[in-house]
Each structure stands twice: as structure tokens, then as C-alpha cells.
Amino acid sequence: MPFAENLRRLRLERFLSQGELARRAGLHAVTLTRLESGATAPATRTVRAIASVLDVEPRELAAPDEVAELRRFPSGSAQAEPRTSYHLDAWNDDGGGGHTAAGNRAD
């Protein structure tokens, strides 16, 4: 199930408004609206923050390929493979904060 659908379903199951969930997760209400509508891909930090508020594991909320940081790497790229594999199991990483797999700053 896509992230936007999971987000909406879990939010409604917990009887939270978009505004309340956004407040608890430290997000702007407009950001949550965009995420729930599918207009914006979530960042790793955003998925973790929302998952924490909803009391679920991040993987229950979003698949790693739905996270904005991972969309920058083509799925067939040899360089992206180890990084993608790492993110599949480690939701506690914030995506490298703009660094490439080699540790250099990405432009």
C-alpha cells in the first residue's frame, strides 16, 4: 500500500486530524496535507517522525523506495545498490544529508 494511503489510514484509525498529527510530528500542516495527498515524497526523517507519533515502525508507513532521498538514485545503478540495501533495513539513517555513498558532498 502506498505511503499516502498508509498515512491517511493510520491517522484516521488514531482519530487524529492532519493538523494534530503535523503538530505532534513537528511538521507544518501543509506538509502533512501534501504528503497525504501524494503530492510530495516524504524524507526519511519525516517518515520516522510520523511513525513515532502513530506508534508504528517506519516500514509499516512507507517502503524505502517511496522516500525522497532514495528516488535520486536510479534503481539499476551499481553505486545505489549498497546504499539502497542499507536503507531497506535501517530507518534510523537520515539519508546521508546530501552526501554520496563515497562520503563526498553531492551537488
PDB file of N, CA and C in Angstrom:
ATOM      1  N   MET A   1       0.853  -1.181   0.000  1.00  0.00           N
ATOM      2  CA  MET A   1       0.000   0.000   0.000  1.00  0.00           C
ATOM      3  C   MET A   1       0.896   1.240   0.000  1.00  0.00           C
ATOM      4  N   PRO A   2       0.612   2.218  -0.850  1.00  0.00           N
ATOM      5  CA  PRO A   2       1.437   3.419  -0.929  1.00  0.00           C
ATOM      6  C   PRO A   2       1.441   4.230   0.377  1.00  0.00           C
ATOM      7  N   PHE A   3       2.523   4.998   0.534  1.00  0.00           N
ATOM      8  CA  PHE A   3       2.713   5.814   1.729  1.00  0.00           C
ATOM      9  C   PHE A   3       1.503   6.695   2.033  1.00  0.00           C
ATOM     10  N   ALA A   4       1.005   7.421   1.035  1.00  0.00           N
ATOM     11  CA  ALA A   4      -0.106   8.351   1.260  1.00  0.00           C
ATOM     12  C   ALA A   4      -1.336   7.629   1.824  1.00  0.00           C
ATOM     13  N   GLU A   5      -1.633   6.457   1.292  1.00  0.00           N
ATOM     14  CA  GLU A   5      -2.780   5.688   1.792  1.00  0.00           C
ATOM     15  C   GLU A   5      -2.532   5.181   3.204  1.00  0.00           C
ATOM     16  N   ASN A   6      -1.324   4.696   3.461  1.00  0.00           N
ATOM     17  CA  ASN A   6      -0.986   4.236   4.811  1.00  0.00           C
ATOM     18  C   ASN A   6      -1.095   5.375   5.819  1.00  0.00           C
ATOM     19  N   LEU A   7      -0.565   6.521   5.440  1.00  0.00           N
ATOM     20  CA  LEU A   7      -0.596   7.686   6.325  1.00  0.00           C
ATOM     21  C   LEU A   7      -2.029   8.054   6.682  1.00  0.00           C
ATOM     22  N   ARG A   8      -2.869   8.167   5.693  1.00  0.00           N
ATOM     23  CA  ARG A   8      -4.266   8.543   5.940  1.00  0.00           C
ATOM     24  C   ARG A   8      -4.986   7.500   6.800  1.00  0.00           C
ATOM     25  N   ARG A   9      -4.799   6.218   6.453  1.00  0.00           N
ATOM     26  CA  ARG A   9      -5.467   5.144   7.192  1.00  0.00           C
ATOM     27  C   ARG A   9      -5.037   5.135   8.657  1.00  0.00           C
ATOM     28  N   LEU A  10      -3.735   5.209   8.890  1.00  0.00           N
ATOM     29  CA  LEU A  10      -3.229   5.168  10.265  1.00  0.00           C
ATOM     30  C   LEU A  10      -3.640   6.409  11.051  1.00  0.00           C
ATOM     31  N   ARG A  11      -3.636   7.560  10.393  1.00  0.00           N
ATOM     32  CA  ARG A  11      -4.058   8.799  11.063  1.00  0.00           C
ATOM     33  C   ARG A  11      -5.517   8.709  11.491  1.00  0.00           C
ATOM     34  N   LEU A  12      -6.373   8.243  10.591  1.00  0.00           N
ATOM     35  CA  LEU A  12      -7.805   8.139  10.897  1.00  0.00           C
ATOM     36  C   LEU A  12      -8.080   7.071  11.948  1.00  0.00           C
ATOM     37  N   GLU A  13      -7.338   5.968  11.914  1.00  0.00           N
ATOM     38  CA  GLU A  13      -7.510   4.923  12.928  1.00  0.00           C
ATOM     39  C   GLU A  13      -7.213   5.441  14.330  1.00  0.00           C
ATOM     40  N   ARG A  14      -6.355   6.450  14.419  1.00  0.00           N
ATOM     41  CA  ARG A  14      -5.988   7.028  15.712  1.00  0.00           C
ATOM     42  C   ARG A  14      -6.777   8.306  16.017  1.00  0.00           C
ATOM     43  N   PHE A  15      -7.760   8.587  15.182  1.00  0.00           N
ATOM     44  CA  PHE A  15      -8.663   9.728  15.375  1.00  0.00           C
ATOM     45  C   PHE A  15      -7.898  11.046  15.490  1.00  0.00           C
ATOM     46  N   LEU A  16      -6.889  11.219  14.622  1.00  0.00           N
ATOM     47  CA  LEU A  16      -6.101  12.447  14.608  1.00  0.00           C
ATOM     48  C   LEU A  16      -6.437  13.268  13.372  1.00  0.00           C
ATOM     49  N   SER A  17      -6.528  14.567  13.545  1.00  0.00           N
ATOM     50  CA  SER A  17      -6.674  15.449  12.383  1.00  0.00           C
ATOM     51  C   SER A  17      -5.295  15.608  11.744  1.00  0.00           C
ATOM     52  N   GLN A  18      -5.271  16.094  10.529  1.00  0.00           N
ATOM     53  CA  GLN A  18      -3.985  16.352   9.881  1.00  0.00           C
ATOM     54  C   GLN A  18      -3.182  17.363  10.693  1.00  0.00           C
ATOM     55  N   GLY A  19      -3.857  18.395  11.175  1.00  0.00           N
ATOM     56  CA  GLY A  19      -3.187  19.430  11.956  1.00  0.00           C
ATOM     57  C   GLY A  19      -2.577  18.895  13.235  1.00  0.00           C
ATOM     58  N   GLU A  20      -3.305  18.021  13.930  1.00  0.00           N
ATOM     59  CA  GLU A  20      -2.802  17.463  15.185  1.00  0.00           C
ATOM     60  C   GLU A  20      -1.626  16.529  14.932  1.00  0.00           C
ATOM     61  N   LEU A  21      -1.719  15.695  13.918  1.00  0.00           N
ATOM     62  CA  LEU A  21      -0.603  14.810  13.599  1.00  0.00           C
ATOM     63  C   LEU A  21       0.621  15.631  13.201  1.00  0.00           C
ATOM     64  N   ALA A  22       0.418  16.651  12.405  1.00  0.00           N
ATOM     65  CA  ALA A  22       1.527  17.514  11.998  1.00  0.00           C
ATOM     66  C   ALA A  22       2.183  18.158  13.217  1.00  0.00           C
ATOM     67  N   ARG A  23       1.377  18.680  14.132  1.00  0.00           N
ATOM     68  CA  ARG A  23       1.907  19.312  15.340  1.00  0.00           C
ATOM     69  C   ARG A  23       2.733  18.335  16.152  1.00  0.00           C
ATOM     70  N   ARG A  24       2.204  17.141  16.375  1.00  0.00           N
ATOM     71  CA  ARG A  24       2.906  16.136  17.184  1.00  0.00           C
ATOM     72  C   ARG A  24       4.191  15.655  16.517  1.00  0.00           C
ATOM     73  N   ALA A  25       4.204  15.629  15.192  1.00  0.00           N
ATOM     74  CA  ALA A  25       5.385  15.161  14.453  1.00  0.00           C
ATOM     75  C   ALA A  25       6.381  16.290  14.176  1.00  0.00           C
ATOM     76  N   GLY A  26       6.016  17.520  14.520  1.00  0.00           N
ATOM     77  CA  GLY A  26       6.907  18.652  14.282  1.00  0.00           C
ATOM     78  C   GLY A  26       6.947  19.081  12.825  1.00  0.00           C
ATOM     79  N   LEU A  27       5.818  18.893  12.141  1.00  0.00           N
ATOM     80  CA  LEU A  27       5.719  19.260  10.725  1.00  0.00           C
ATOM     81  C   LEU A  27       4.730  20.403  10.552  1.00  0.00           C
ATOM     82  N   HIS A  28       4.808  21.075   9.430  1.00  0.00           N
ATOM     83  CA  HIS A  28       3.815  22.078   9.085  1.00  0.00           C
ATOM     84  C   HIS A  28       2.577  21.342   8.578  1.00  0.00           C
ATOM     85  N   ALA A  29       1.403  21.831   8.892  1.00  0.00           N
ATOM     86  CA  ALA A  29       0.161  21.179   8.476  1.00  0.00           C
ATOM     87  C   ALA A  29       0.064  21.035   6.958  1.00  0.00           C
ATOM     88  N   VAL A  30       0.567  22.020   6.218  1.00  0.00           N
ATOM     89  CA  VAL A  30       0.529  21.953   4.757  1.00  0.00           C
ATOM     90  C   VAL A  30       1.405  20.801   4.259  1.00  0.00           C
ATOM     91  N   THR A  31       2.525  20.573   4.930  1.00  0.00           N
ATOM     92  CA  THR A  31       3.406  19.459   4.555  1.00  0.00           C
ATOM     93  C   THR A  31       2.671  18.142   4.709  1.00  0.00           C
ATOM     94  N   LEU A  32       1.963  17.975   5.813  1.00  0.00           N
ATOM     95  CA  LEU A  32       1.229  16.733   6.032  1.00  0.00           C
ATOM     96  C   LEU A  32       0.123  16.569   4.989  1.00  0.00           C
ATOM     97  N   THR A  33      -0.543  17.650   4.634  1.00  0.00           N
ATOM     98  CA  THR A  33      -1.576  17.603   3.600  1.00  0.00           C
ATOM     99  C   THR A  33      -0.981  17.146   2.274  1.00  0.00           C
ATOM    100  N   ARG A  34       0.168  17.679   1.918  1.00  0.00           N
ATOM    101  CA  ARG A  34       0.836  17.300   0.665  1.00  0.00           C
ATOM    102  C   ARG A  34       1.289  15.843   0.691  1.00  0.00           C
ATOM    103  N   LEU A  35       1.782  15.394   1.837  1.00  0.00           N
ATOM    104  CA  LEU A  35       2.203  14.001   1.962  1.00  0.00           C
ATOM    105  C   LEU A  35       1.013  13.059   1.816  1.00  0.00           C
ATOM    106  N   GLU A  36      -0.071  13.398   2.485  1.00  0.00           N
ATOM    107  CA  GLU A  36      -1.247  12.537   2.463  1.00  0.00           C
ATOM    108  C   GLU A  36      -1.933  12.513   1.098  1.00  0.00           C
ATOM    109  N   SER A  37      -1.796  13.575   0.340  1.00  0.00           N
ATOM    110  CA  SER A  37      -2.394  13.610  -0.995  1.00  0.00           C
ATOM    111  C   SER A  37      -1.491  12.942  -2.036  1.00  0.00           C
ATOM    112  N   GLY A  38      -0.254  12.658  -1.661  1.00  0.00           N
ATOM    113  CA  GLY A  38       0.688  12.048  -2.584  1.00  0.00           C
ATOM    114  C   GLY A  38       1.427  13.054  -3.438  1.00  0.00           C
ATOM    115  N   ALA A  39       1.251  14.339  -3.163  1.00  0.00           N
ATOM    116  CA  ALA A  39       1.893  15.384  -3.950  1.00  0.00           C
ATOM    117  C   ALA A  39       3.384  15.509  -3.644  1.00  0.00           C
ATOM    118  N   THR A  40       3.800  15.050  -2.471  1.00  0.00           N
ATOM    119  CA  THR A  40       5.181  15.162  -2.029  1.00  0.00           C
ATOM    120  C   THR A  40       5.667  13.818  -1.517  1.00  0.00           C
ATOM    121  N   ALA A  41       6.906  13.468  -1.847  1.00  0.00           N
ATOM    122  CA  ALA A  41       7.523  12.259  -1.294  1.00  0.00           C
ATOM    123  C   ALA A  41       8.115  12.609   0.070  1.00  0.00           C
ATOM    124  N   PRO A  42       7.969  11.728   1.041  1.00  0.00           N
ATOM    125  CA  PRO A  42       8.479  12.034   2.375  1.00  0.00           C
ATOM    126  C   PRO A  42       9.988  11.864   2.478  1.00  0.00           C
ATOM    127  N   ALA A  43      10.597  12.632   3.351  1.00  0.00           N
ATOM    128  CA  ALA A  43      12.002  12.444   3.697  1.00  0.00           C
ATOM    129  C   ALA A  43      12.076  11.344   4.755  1.00  0.00           C
ATOM    130  N   THR A  44      13.232  10.761   4.899  1.00  0.00           N
ATOM    131  CA  THR A  44      13.419   9.711   5.902  1.00  0.00           C
ATOM    132  C   THR A  44      13.079  10.225   7.292  1.00  0.00           C
ATOM    133  N   ARG A  45      13.538  11.412   7.617  1.00  0.00           N
ATOM    134  CA  ARG A  45      13.256  11.992   8.942  1.00  0.00           C
ATOM    135  C   ARG A  45      11.756  12.179   9.151  1.00  0.00           C
ATOM    136  N   THR A  46      11.064  12.574   8.098  1.00  0.00           N
ATOM    137  CA  THR A  46       9.622  12.777   8.182  1.00  0.00           C
ATOM    138  C   THR A  46       8.909  11.464   8.449  1.00  0.00           C
ATOM    139  N   VAL A  47       9.302  10.411   7.735  1.00  0.00           N
ATOM    140  CA  VAL A  47       8.691   9.093   7.949  1.00  0.00           C
ATOM    141  C   VAL A  47       8.915   8.651   9.389  1.00  0.00           C
ATOM    142  N   ARG A  48      10.135   8.830   9.883  1.00  0.00           N
ATOM    143  CA  ARG A  48      10.422   8.420  11.266  1.00  0.00           C
ATOM    144  C   ARG A  48       9.597   9.218  12.266  1.00  0.00           C
ATOM    145  N   ALA A  49       9.470  10.527  12.053  1.00  0.00           N
ATOM    146  CA  ALA A  49       8.716  11.370  12.979  1.00  0.00           C
ATOM    147  C   ALA A  49       7.240  10.989  13.002  1.00  0.00           C
ATOM    148  N   ILE A  50       6.660  10.795  11.824  1.00  0.00           N
ATOM    149  CA  ILE A  50       5.249  10.417  11.738  1.00  0.00           C
ATOM    150  C   ILE A  50       5.025   9.028  12.328  1.00  0.00           C
ATOM    151  N   ALA A  51       5.914   8.097  12.006  1.00  0.00           N
ATOM    152  CA  ALA A  51       5.789   6.732  12.529  1.00  0.00           C
ATOM    153  C   ALA A  51       5.859   6.727  14.045  1.00  0.00           C
ATOM    154  N   SER A  52       6.706   7.552  14.606  1.00  0.00           N
ATOM    155  CA  SER A  52       6.823   7.635  16.063  1.00  0.00           C
ATOM    156  C   SER A  52       5.513   8.110  16.687  1.00  0.00           C
ATOM    157  N   VAL A  53       4.917   9.137  16.112  1.00  0.00           N
ATOM    158  CA  VAL A  53       3.647   9.656  16.621  1.00  0.00           C
ATOM    159  C   VAL A  53       2.532   8.617  16.486  1.00  0.00           C
ATOM    160  N   LEU A  54       2.533   7.912  15.361  1.00  0.00           N
ATOM    161  CA  LEU A  54       1.487   6.908  15.111  1.00  0.00           C
ATOM    162  C   LEU A  54       1.772   5.583  15.806  1.00  0.00           C
ATOM    163  N   ASP A  55       2.938   5.483  16.447  1.00  0.00           N
ATOM    164  CA  ASP A  55       3.350   4.289  17.177  1.00  0.00           C
ATOM    165  C   ASP A  55       3.414   3.060  16.274  1.00  0.00           C
ATOM    166  N   VAL A  56       4.055   3.233  15.119  1.00  0.00           N
ATOM    167  CA  VAL A  56       4.281   2.132  14.182  1.00  0.00           C
ATOM    168  C   VAL A  56       5.742   2.167  13.755  1.00  0.00           C
ATOM    169  N   GLU A  57       6.204   1.085  13.180  1.00  0.00           N
ATOM    170  CA  GLU A  57       7.543   1.045  12.596  1.00  0.00           C
ATOM    171  C   GLU A  57       7.512   1.831  11.288  1.00  0.00           C
ATOM    172  N   PRO A  58       8.589   2.542  10.945  1.00  0.00           N
ATOM    173  CA  PRO A  58       8.616   3.291   9.687  1.00  0.00           C
ATOM    174  C   PRO A  58       8.288   2.428   8.473  1.00  0.00           C
ATOM    175  N   ARG A  59       8.708   1.171   8.470  1.00  0.00           N
ATOM    176  CA  ARG A  59       8.440   0.295   7.316  1.00  0.00           C
ATOM    177  C   ARG A  59       6.958  -0.021   7.175  1.00  0.00           C
ATOM    178  N   GLU A  60       6.176   0.151   8.240  1.00  0.00           N
ATOM    179  CA  GLU A  60       4.729  -0.040   8.147  1.00  0.00           C
ATOM    180  C   GLU A  60       4.061   1.161   7.478  1.00  0.00           C
ATOM    181  N   LEU A  61       4.747   2.273   7.499  1.00  0.00           N
ATOM    182  CA  LEU A  61       4.218   3.507   6.940  1.00  0.00           C
ATOM    183  C   LEU A  61       4.654   3.714   5.489  1.00  0.00           C
ATOM    184  N   ALA A  62       5.929   3.464   5.190  1.00  0.00           N
ATOM    185  CA  ALA A  62       6.455   3.722   3.847  1.00  0.00           C
ATOM    186  C   ALA A  62       7.488   2.678   3.459  1.00  0.00           C
ATOM    187  N   ALA A  63       7.474   2.325   2.202  1.00  0.00           N
ATOM    188  CA  ALA A  63       8.521   1.470   1.643  1.00  0.00           C
ATOM    189  C   ALA A  63       9.726   2.363   1.364  1.00  0.00           C
ATOM    190  N   PRO A  64      10.933   1.834   1.491  1.00  0.00           N
ATOM    191  CA  PRO A  64      12.119   2.668   1.251  1.00  0.00           C
ATOM    192  C   PRO A  64      12.141   3.342  -0.118  1.00  0.00           C
ATOM    193  N   ASP A  65      11.568   2.722  -1.136  1.00  0.00           N
ATOM    194  CA  ASP A  65      11.582   3.357  -2.458  1.00  0.00           C
ATOM    195  C   ASP A  65      10.604   4.520  -2.566  1.00  0.00           C
ATOM    196  N   GLU A  66       9.807   4.753  -1.547  1.00  0.00           N
ATOM    197  CA  GLU A  66       8.891   5.902  -1.537  1.00  0.00           C
ATOM    198  C   GLU A  66       9.524   7.131  -0.888  1.00  0.00           C
ATOM    199  N   VAL A  67      10.689   6.971  -0.295  1.00  0.00           N
ATOM    200  CA  VAL A  67      11.358   8.056   0.409  1.00  0.00           C
ATOM    201  C   VAL A  67      12.119   8.927  -0.582  1.00  0.00           C
ATOM    202  N   ALA A  68      11.992  10.235  -0.426  1.00  0.00           N
ATOM    203  CA  ALA A  68      12.545  11.202  -1.383  1.00  0.00           C
ATOM    204  C   ALA A  68      14.037  11.023  -1.620  1.00  0.00           C
ATOM    205  N   GLU A  69      14.829  10.799  -0.586  1.00  0.00           N
ATOM    206  CA  GLU A  69      16.271  10.686  -0.745  1.00  0.00           C
ATOM    207  C   GLU A  69      16.649   9.527  -1.661  1.00  0.00           C
ATOM    208  N   LEU A  70      15.904   8.435  -1.601  1.00  0.00           N
ATOM    209  CA  LEU A  70      16.239   7.253  -2.390  1.00  0.00           C
ATOM    210  C   LEU A  70      15.798   7.374  -3.836  1.00  0.00           C
ATOM    211  N   ARG A  71      14.907   8.281  -4.126  1.00  0.00           N
ATOM    212  CA  ARG A  71      14.446   8.470  -5.506  1.00  0.00           C
ATOM    213  C   ARG A  71      15.512   9.115  -6.373  1.00  0.00           C
ATOM    214  N   ARG A  72      16.550   9.700  -5.766  1.00  0.00           N
ATOM    215  CA  ARG A  72      17.614  10.356  -6.519  1.00  0.00           C
ATOM    216  C   ARG A  72      18.518   9.364  -7.234  1.00  0.00           C
ATOM    217  N   PHE A  73      18.511   8.100  -6.806  1.00  0.00           N
ATOM    218  CA  PHE A  73      19.398   7.092  -7.375  1.00  0.00           C
ATOM    219  C   PHE A  73      18.616   6.163  -8.277  1.00  0.00           C
ATOM    220  N   PRO A  74      19.061   5.973  -9.516  1.00  0.00           N
ATOM    221  CA  PRO A  74      18.388   5.009 -10.390  1.00  0.00           C
ATOM    222  C   PRO A  74      18.489   3.614  -9.780  1.00  0.00           C
ATOM    223  N   SER A  75      17.441   2.828  -9.892  1.00  0.00           N
ATOM    224  CA  SER A  75      17.419   1.514  -9.266  1.00  0.00           C
ATOM    225  C   SER A  75      18.457   0.571  -9.850  1.00  0.00           C
ATOM    226  N   GLY A  76      18.887   0.775 -11.096  1.00  0.00           N
ATOM    227  CA  GLY A  76      19.871  -0.095 -11.712  1.00  0.00           C
ATOM    228  C   GLY A  76      21.304   0.335 -11.459  1.00  0.00           C
ATOM    229  N   SER A  77      21.506   1.435 -10.784  1.00  0.00           N
ATOM    230  CA  SER A  77      22.842   1.960 -10.547  1.00  0.00           C
ATOM    231  C   SER A  77      23.616   1.072  -9.583  1.00  0.00           C
ATOM    232  N   ALA A  78      24.829   0.717  -9.960  1.00  0.00           N
ATOM    233  CA  ALA A  78      25.666  -0.116  -9.091  1.00  0.00           C
ATOM    234  C   ALA A  78      26.017   0.635  -7.816  1.00  0.00           C
ATOM    235  N   GLN A  79      26.204   1.948  -7.908  1.00  0.00           N
ATOM    236  CA  GLN A  79      26.543   2.737  -6.740  1.00  0.00           C
ATOM    237  C   GLN A  79      25.365   2.809  -5.768  1.00  0.00           C
ATOM    238  N   ALA A  80      24.167   2.841  -6.273  1.00  0.00           N
ATOM    239  CA  ALA A  80      22.991   2.975  -5.414  1.00  0.00           C
ATOM    240  C   ALA A  80      22.638   1.675  -4.718  1.00  0.00           C
ATOM    241  N   GLU A  81      23.030   0.539  -5.264  1.00  0.00           N
ATOM    242  CA  GLU A  81      22.629  -0.746  -4.704  1.00  0.00           C
ATOM    243  C   GLU A  81      22.997  -0.916  -3.233  1.00  0.00           C
ATOM    244  N   PRO A  82      24.287  -0.721  -2.813  1.00  0.00           N
ATOM    245  CA  PRO A  82      24.596  -0.894  -1.404  1.00  0.00           C
ATOM    246  C   PRO A  82      23.849   0.105  -0.534  1.00  0.00           C
ATOM    247  N   ARG A  83      23.717   1.339  -1.015  1.00  0.00           N
ATOM    248  CA  ARG A  83      23.018   2.373  -0.250  1.00  0.00           C
ATOM    249  C   ARG A  83      21.547   2.006  -0.089  1.00  0.00           C
ATOM    250  N   THR A  84      20.905   1.551  -1.151  1.00  0.00           N
ATOM    251  CA  THR A  84      19.507   1.152  -1.088  1.00  0.00           C
ATOM    252  C   THR A  84      19.326  -0.020  -0.152  1.00  0.00           C
ATOM    253  N   SER A  85      20.196  -1.016  -0.257  1.00  0.00           N
ATOM    254  CA  SER A  85      20.117  -2.183   0.620  1.00  0.00           C
ATOM    255  C   SER A  85      20.255  -1.755   2.070  1.00  0.00           C
ATOM    256  N   TYR A  86      21.160  -0.809   2.334  1.00  0.00           N
ATOM    257  CA  TYR A  86      21.358  -0.316   3.690  1.00  0.00           C
ATOM    258  C   TYR A  86      20.072   0.308   4.222  1.00  0.00           C
ATOM    259  N   HIS A  87      19.400   1.112   3.384  1.00  0.00           N
ATOM    260  CA  HIS A  87      18.188   1.788   3.819  1.00  0.00           C
ATOM    261  C   HIS A  87      17.003   0.846   3.991  1.00  0.00           C
ATOM    262  N   LEU A  88      17.029  -0.283   3.316  1.00  0.00           N
ATOM    263  CA  LEU A  88      15.919  -1.209   3.461  1.00  0.00           C
ATOM    264  C   LEU A  88      15.793  -1.700   4.896  1.00  0.00           C
ATOM    265  N   ASP A  89      16.919  -1.792   5.587  1.00  0.00           N
ATOM    266  CA  ASP A  89      16.917  -2.335   6.934  1.00  0.00           C
ATOM    267  C   ASP A  89      17.194  -1.292   8.004  1.00  0.00           C
ATOM    268  N   ALA A  90      17.570  -0.085   7.636  1.00  0.00           N
ATOM    269  CA  ALA A  90      17.998   0.898   8.630  1.00  0.00           C
ATOM    270  C   ALA A  90      17.234   2.202   8.491  1.00  0.00           C
ATOM    271  N   TRP A  91      16.103   2.290   9.090  1.00  0.00           N
ATOM    272  CA  TRP A  91      15.310   3.513   9.036  1.00  0.00           C
ATOM    273  C   TRP A  91      15.871   4.585   9.952  1.00  0.00           C
ATOM    274  N   ASN A  92      16.899   4.281  10.733  1.00  0.00           N
ATOM    275  CA  ASN A  92      17.452   5.282  11.638  1.00  0.00           C
ATOM    276  C   ASN A  92      18.519   6.138  10.968  1.00  0.00           C
ATOM    277  N   ASP A  93      18.712   5.999   9.656  1.00  0.00           N
ATOM    278  CA  ASP A  93      19.632   6.835   8.911  1.00  0.00           C
ATOM    279  C   ASP A  93      18.831   7.920   8.202  1.00  0.00           C
ATOM    280  N   ASP A  94      19.360   9.140   8.158  1.00  0.00           N
ATOM    281  CA  ASP A  94      18.613  10.239   7.547  1.00  0.00           C
ATOM    282  C   ASP A  94      18.902  10.416   6.065  1.00  0.00           C
ATOM    283  N   GLY A  95      19.494   9.438   5.428  1.00  0.00           N
ATOM    284  CA  GLY A  95      19.743   9.509   4.002  1.00  0.00           C
ATOM    285  C   GLY A  95      21.066  10.160   3.645  1.00  0.00           C
ATOM    286  N   GLY A  96      21.931  10.380   4.607  1.00  0.00           N
ATOM    287  CA  GLY A  96      23.248  10.914   4.322  1.00  0.00           C
ATOM    288  C   GLY A  96      23.326  12.426   4.285  1.00  0.00           C
ATOM    289  N   GLY A  97      22.212  13.093   4.438  1.00  0.00           N
ATOM    290  CA  GLY A  97      22.212  14.553   4.486  1.00  0.00           C
ATOM    291  C   GLY A  97      22.862  15.201   3.284  1.00  0.00           C
ATOM    292  N   GLY A  98      22.664  14.620   2.081  1.00  0.00           N
ATOM    293  CA  GLY A  98      23.211  15.216   0.875  1.00  0.00           C
ATOM    294  C   GLY A  98      24.579  14.689   0.496  1.00  0.00           C
ATOM    295  N   HIS A  99      25.067  13.668   1.190  1.00  0.00           N
ATOM    296  CA  HIS A  99      26.353  13.083   0.864  1.00  0.00           C
ATOM    297  C   HIS A  99      26.154  11.861  -0.029  1.00  0.00           C
ATOM    298  N   THR A 100      27.118  11.644  -0.902  1.00  0.00           N
ATOM    299  CA  THR A 100      27.065  10.475  -1.772  1.00  0.00           C
ATOM    300  C   THR A 100      27.553   9.257  -1.001  1.00  0.00           C
ATOM    301  N   ALA A 101      27.438   8.092  -1.587  1.00  0.00           N
ATOM    302  CA  ALA A 101      27.861   6.858  -0.941  1.00  0.00           C
ATOM    303  C   ALA A 101      29.355   6.897  -0.618  1.00  0.00           C
ATOM    304  N   ALA A 102      30.162   7.628  -1.408  1.00  0.00           N
ATOM    305  CA  ALA A 102      31.599   7.719  -1.181  1.00  0.00           C
ATOM    306  C   ALA A 102      31.929   8.707  -0.080  1.00  0.00           C
ATOM    307  N   GLY A 103      30.929   9.427   0.440  1.00  0.00           N
ATOM    308  CA  GLY A 103      31.151  10.366   1.522  1.00  0.00           C
ATOM    309  C   GLY A 103      31.411  11.793   1.054  1.00  0.00           C
ATOM    310  N   ASN A 104      31.380  12.015  -0.245  1.00  0.00           N
ATOM    311  CA  ASN A 104      31.575  13.348  -0.787  1.00  0.00           C
ATOM    312  C   ASN A 104      30.265  14.084  -0.838  1.00  0.00           C
ATOM    313  N   ARG A 105      30.338  15.387  -0.760  1.00  0.00           N
ATOM    314  CA  ARG A 105      29.136  16.226  -0.811  1.00  0.00           C
ATOM    315  C   ARG A 105      28.518  16.128  -2.201  1.00  0.00           C
ATOM    316  N   ALA A 106      27.213  15.847  -2.274  1.00  0.00           N
ATOM    317  CA  ALA A 106      26.501  15.782  -3.558  1.00  0.00           C
ATOM    318  C   ALA A 106      26.124  17.184  -4.001  1.00  0.00           C
ATOM    319  N   ASP A 107      26.233  17.447  -5.276  1.00  0.00           N
ATOM    320  CA  ASP A 107      25.854  18.780  -5.804  1.00  0.00           C
ATOM    321  C   ASP A 107      24.492  18.750  -6.389  1.00  0.00           C
TER     322      ASP A 107
END
